[in-house]
Amino acid sequence: MIDHAHDLASVRGATERLLTAAAKLDNASVTESSRLPGWSRGHVLAHLSRNADALVNVLRGQPMYHSAEARDADIERDAPRPLDVQLADLRDSAELFQEAGAAPADWSRTVELRNGVTDSASRVPFRRWAEVELHHVDLGIGYELEDLSEEFTQREINFLTERFRGSPDVPSLVIEEDDGRRIPTGGRGDVALVVTGRQADLLGWLAGRRDGSALTVHGGTLPPLPPL
């Protein structure tokens, strides 16, 4: 069972780590490239702020974004801001998300995210946790996938393999962690490819942050994954 209160507390901790780390930057370094193609660090920080707003909308039963175009325009608008403005916005929007999460609610209800995706309200805090942790890594300021907690890394691997389960664009896979844990993804075809590696490398590949070159594949070649 998903413990949304635990995940909300984890989001708060992850946000504080990111804010503390980002506070060591300066205005020039915020304009430098992040690890995400085409995005500066300012784009990443702006996205995190606007994503918090969007998930508040989700918890309130409103559309996550007015449109894909509005989402992208908001990020482009906010990306060039000075560091102090970025951090203040991120802190304030994160606090509004915490307040929305603390409001009495039916956490078993179904909510709608982007592109018609639906999920349990109880998983929204974990989705935000993933946004904060992975985009902290994307900033390229010394926080790596290896620094993520074992709990978060395992849950995100489980979440992503579930997301690809049954996808016609993904062959049948078995994700095998270096401790021997095996997670089947289903997918296309009857014979599963077995993809083996360290947790951080598996998460990096599943989340589109690493190319999978550190992984071992049994039964074929490492397949491309659809974008998240």
Protein backbone atom coordinates (compact mmCIF):
# COMPACT_ATOMS: atom_id res chain seq x y z
CA MET A 1 0.00 0.00 0.00
CA ILE A 2 1.27 3.48 -0.89
CA ASP A 3 1.90 5.72 2.11
CA HIS A 4 1.28 9.19 0.69
CA ALA A 5 2.19 10.90 3.98
CA HIS A 6 5.60 9.20 3.96
CA ASP A 7 6.11 10.24 0.35
CA LEU A 8 5.14 13.85 1.09
CA ALA A 9 7.80 13.92 3.82
CA SER A 10 10.29 12.42 1.37
CA VAL A 11 9.43 15.12 -1.18
CA ARG A 12 10.12 17.77 1.43
CA GLY A 13 13.51 16.26 2.25
CA ALA A 14 14.47 15.90 -1.41
CA THR A 15 13.42 19.50 -2.10
CA GLU A 16 15.53 20.82 0.76
CA ARG A 17 18.55 18.92 -0.54
CA LEU A 18 18.06 20.38 -3.99
CA LEU A 19 17.57 23.93 -2.68
CA THR A 20 20.69 23.67 -0.51
CA ALA A 21 22.76 22.41 -3.42
CA ALA A 22 21.39 24.91 -5.94
CA ALA A 23 22.01 27.82 -3.56
CA LYS A 24 25.75 27.29 -4.19
CA LEU A 25 25.30 28.25 -7.83
CA ASP A 26 25.41 31.78 -9.21
CA ASN A 27 23.46 33.61 -11.89
CA ALA A 28 25.93 32.65 -14.62
CA SER A 29 25.89 28.93 -13.82
CA VAL A 30 22.09 28.87 -13.87
CA THR A 31 22.25 29.82 -17.55
CA GLU A 32 24.64 26.96 -18.34
CA SER A 33 23.49 23.71 -19.92
CA SER A 34 21.93 21.03 -17.77
CA ARG A 35 22.19 17.35 -18.63
CA LEU A 36 18.85 17.53 -20.45
CA PRO A 37 19.28 18.33 -24.16
CA GLY A 38 18.26 21.89 -24.95
CA TRP A 39 17.65 22.87 -21.35
CA SER A 40 19.73 25.12 -19.13
CA ARG A 41 19.79 24.69 -15.37
CA GLY A 42 17.28 27.53 -15.32
CA HIS A 43 14.92 25.44 -17.44
CA VAL A 44 15.18 22.57 -14.96
CA LEU A 45 14.49 24.81 -11.96
CA ALA A 46 11.59 26.52 -13.73
CA HIS A 47 10.11 23.16 -14.70
CA LEU A 48 10.27 21.95 -11.10
CA SER A 49 8.38 25.02 -9.90
CA ARG A 50 5.71 24.77 -12.56
CA ASN A 51 5.40 21.01 -12.04
CA ALA A 52 4.62 21.61 -8.37
CA ASP A 53 1.84 24.00 -9.43
CA ALA A 54 0.58 21.45 -11.94
CA LEU A 55 0.40 18.67 -9.36
CA VAL A 56 -1.53 20.97 -7.04
CA ASN A 57 -4.01 21.30 -9.90
CA VAL A 58 -4.16 17.52 -10.17
CA LEU A 59 -4.88 17.09 -6.46
CA ARG A 60 -7.65 19.69 -6.75
CA GLY A 61 -9.28 17.88 -9.66
CA GLN A 62 -8.26 20.49 -12.23
CA PRO A 63 -6.36 20.00 -15.51
CA MET A 64 -2.66 19.50 -14.85
CA TYR A 65 -1.71 22.10 -17.48
CA HIS A 66 -3.90 24.36 -19.62
CA SER A 67 -2.14 22.88 -22.66
CA ALA A 68 1.19 21.42 -23.72
CA GLU A 69 2.00 24.73 -25.38
CA ALA A 70 1.27 26.68 -22.19
CA ARG A 71 3.44 24.30 -20.17
CA ASP A 72 6.39 24.79 -22.50
CA ALA A 73 5.86 28.56 -22.70
CA ASP A 74 5.84 28.89 -18.91
CA ILE A 75 9.15 27.05 -18.65
CA GLU A 76 10.73 29.19 -21.36
CA ARG A 77 9.44 32.34 -19.68
CA ASP A 78 10.83 31.43 -16.25
CA ALA A 79 14.13 29.82 -17.27
CA PRO A 80 16.20 33.06 -17.57
CA ARG A 81 15.36 34.34 -14.08
CA PRO A 82 18.15 35.09 -11.56
CA LEU A 83 19.08 32.38 -9.08
CA ASP A 84 17.41 34.00 -6.07
CA VAL A 85 14.11 34.29 -7.95
CA GLN A 86 14.35 30.67 -9.12
CA LEU A 87 14.98 29.38 -5.60
CA ALA A 88 12.24 31.47 -4.03
CA ASP A 89 9.75 30.24 -6.63
CA LEU A 90 10.81 26.64 -6.13
CA ARG A 91 10.50 26.91 -2.35
CA ASP A 92 7.11 28.65 -2.51
CA SER A 93 5.63 26.28 -5.10
CA ALA A 94 6.93 23.27 -3.16
CA GLU A 95 5.24 24.57 -0.02
CA LEU A 96 1.94 24.98 -1.86
CA PHE A 97 2.24 21.37 -2.98
CA GLN A 98 2.81 20.28 0.62
CA GLU A 99 -0.25 22.23 1.72
CA ALA A 100 -2.37 20.62 -0.99
CA GLY A 101 -1.07 17.23 0.08
CA ALA A 102 -1.94 17.89 3.72
CA ALA A 103 -5.57 18.76 2.98
CA PRO A 104 -8.15 16.08 3.88
CA ALA A 105 -8.85 14.02 0.79
CA ASP A 106 -9.82 10.64 -0.58
CA TRP A 107 -6.39 9.34 -1.52
CA SER A 108 -7.87 6.29 -3.23
CA ARG A 109 -9.53 8.42 -5.90
CA THR A 110 -8.34 8.42 -9.50
CA VAL A 111 -6.76 11.60 -10.82
CA GLU A 112 -5.81 12.66 -14.34
CA LEU A 113 -2.31 13.75 -15.28
CA ARG A 114 -0.87 14.76 -18.68
CA ASN A 115 -1.91 13.22 -21.99
CA GLY A 116 -4.89 11.40 -20.49
CA VAL A 117 -2.74 9.38 -18.05
CA THR A 118 -4.60 8.45 -14.88
CA ASP A 119 -3.33 7.24 -11.52
CA SER A 120 -4.30 6.94 -7.90
CA ALA A 121 -4.10 10.22 -5.99
CA SER A 122 -1.97 8.39 -3.45
CA ARG A 123 0.84 8.08 -6.00
CA VAL A 124 1.02 11.80 -6.82
CA PRO A 125 3.49 12.53 -3.97
CA PHE A 126 5.79 9.78 -5.23
CA ARG A 127 5.59 11.20 -8.75
CA ARG A 128 6.68 14.56 -7.35
CA TRP A 129 9.46 12.89 -5.38
CA ALA A 130 10.74 11.38 -8.63
CA GLU A 131 10.61 14.77 -10.36
CA VAL A 132 12.70 16.40 -7.64
CA GLU A 133 15.28 13.62 -7.33
CA LEU A 134 15.86 12.99 -11.04
CA HIS A 135 15.95 16.66 -11.97
CA HIS A 136 18.42 17.29 -9.13
CA VAL A 137 20.66 14.82 -10.96
CA ASP A 138 19.89 16.57 -14.26
CA LEU A 139 21.29 19.84 -12.92
CA GLY A 140 24.78 18.33 -13.12
CA ILE A 141 25.99 19.86 -9.86
CA GLY A 142 27.41 16.81 -8.11
CA TYR A 143 24.28 14.83 -7.23
CA GLU A 144 24.27 11.49 -9.04
CA LEU A 145 21.97 8.50 -9.41
CA GLU A 146 24.27 6.67 -7.00
CA ASP A 147 23.38 9.25 -4.33
CA LEU A 148 19.68 8.40 -4.39
CA SER A 149 18.31 6.34 -1.53
CA GLU A 150 17.87 2.60 -2.02
CA GLU A 151 14.17 2.98 -1.24
CA PHE A 152 13.60 5.62 -3.89
CA THR A 153 15.73 3.88 -6.50
CA GLN A 154 13.93 0.56 -6.06
CA ARG A 155 10.50 2.14 -6.14
CA GLU A 156 11.30 4.15 -9.25
CA ILE A 157 12.65 1.05 -11.00
CA ASN A 158 9.44 -0.75 -10.07
CA PHE A 159 7.35 2.20 -11.26
CA LEU A 160 9.12 2.46 -14.62
CA THR A 161 9.04 -1.27 -15.32
CA GLU A 162 5.32 -1.20 -14.57
CA ARG A 163 4.96 1.71 -16.97
CA PHE A 164 6.57 -0.27 -19.78
CA ARG A 165 4.68 -3.47 -18.97
CA GLY A 166 2.57 -4.52 -21.92
CA SER A 167 3.83 -1.70 -24.14
CA PRO A 168 3.80 -2.70 -27.83
CA ASP A 169 6.96 -0.63 -28.29
CA VAL A 170 9.01 -2.57 -25.73
CA PRO A 171 10.02 -6.23 -26.02
CA SER A 172 9.45 -8.57 -23.13
CA LEU A 173 12.12 -7.81 -20.51
CA VAL A 174 13.27 -9.08 -17.16
CA ILE A 175 15.15 -6.49 -15.12
CA GLU A 176 17.70 -8.26 -12.92
CA GLU A 177 19.42 -6.21 -10.23
CA ASP A 178 22.90 -7.08 -9.04
CA ASP A 179 21.47 -8.49 -5.80
CA GLY A 180 19.54 -11.09 -7.83
CA ARG A 181 16.15 -9.38 -7.62
CA ARG A 182 14.20 -9.92 -10.88
CA ILE A 183 11.36 -7.74 -12.18
CA PRO A 184 9.47 -8.83 -15.31
CA THR A 185 8.10 -6.07 -17.54
CA GLY A 186 6.03 -8.13 -19.93
CA GLY A 187 6.01 -6.33 -23.24
CA ARG A 188 6.08 -7.59 -26.81
CA GLY A 189 6.97 -11.24 -27.49
CA ASP A 190 7.16 -14.41 -25.43
CA VAL A 191 10.91 -14.74 -24.85
CA ALA A 192 12.20 -12.17 -22.38
CA LEU A 193 15.51 -10.38 -22.65
CA VAL A 194 17.26 -10.30 -19.29
CA VAL A 195 18.86 -6.94 -18.52
CA THR A 196 21.26 -7.05 -15.59
CA GLY A 197 23.12 -4.33 -13.73
CA ARG A 198 23.53 -2.11 -10.72
CA GLN A 199 20.44 -0.30 -9.43
CA ALA A 200 21.75 3.13 -10.45
CA ASP A 201 22.56 1.97 -13.99
CA LEU A 202 19.21 0.24 -14.40
CA LEU A 203 17.37 3.31 -13.17
CA GLY A 204 19.45 5.52 -15.43
CA TRP A 205 18.55 3.46 -18.49
CA LEU A 206 14.85 3.11 -17.62
CA ALA A 207 14.58 6.84 -16.88
CA GLY A 208 16.45 7.91 -20.01
CA ARG A 209 19.44 9.26 -18.07
CA ARG A 210 22.02 6.66 -19.16
CA ASP A 211 22.57 4.78 -22.41
CA GLY A 212 22.65 1.33 -20.84
CA SER A 213 26.26 0.64 -21.81
CA ALA A 214 27.01 -0.47 -18.24
CA LEU A 215 24.27 -3.11 -18.37
CA THR A 216 24.51 -6.75 -19.46
CA VAL A 217 21.87 -8.19 -21.79
CA HIS A 218 21.13 -11.90 -22.13
CA GLY A 219 19.11 -13.13 -25.10
CA GLY A 220 19.55 -10.23 -27.46
CA THR A 221 20.53 -6.56 -27.63
CA LEU A 222 19.44 -3.72 -25.40
CA PRO A 223 16.26 -2.28 -26.94
CA PRO A 224 15.42 1.42 -27.21
CA LEU A 225 12.77 2.59 -24.79
CA PRO A 226 9.98 5.06 -25.64
CA PRO A 227 10.32 8.52 -24.10
CA LEU A 228 8.76 9.05 -20.70
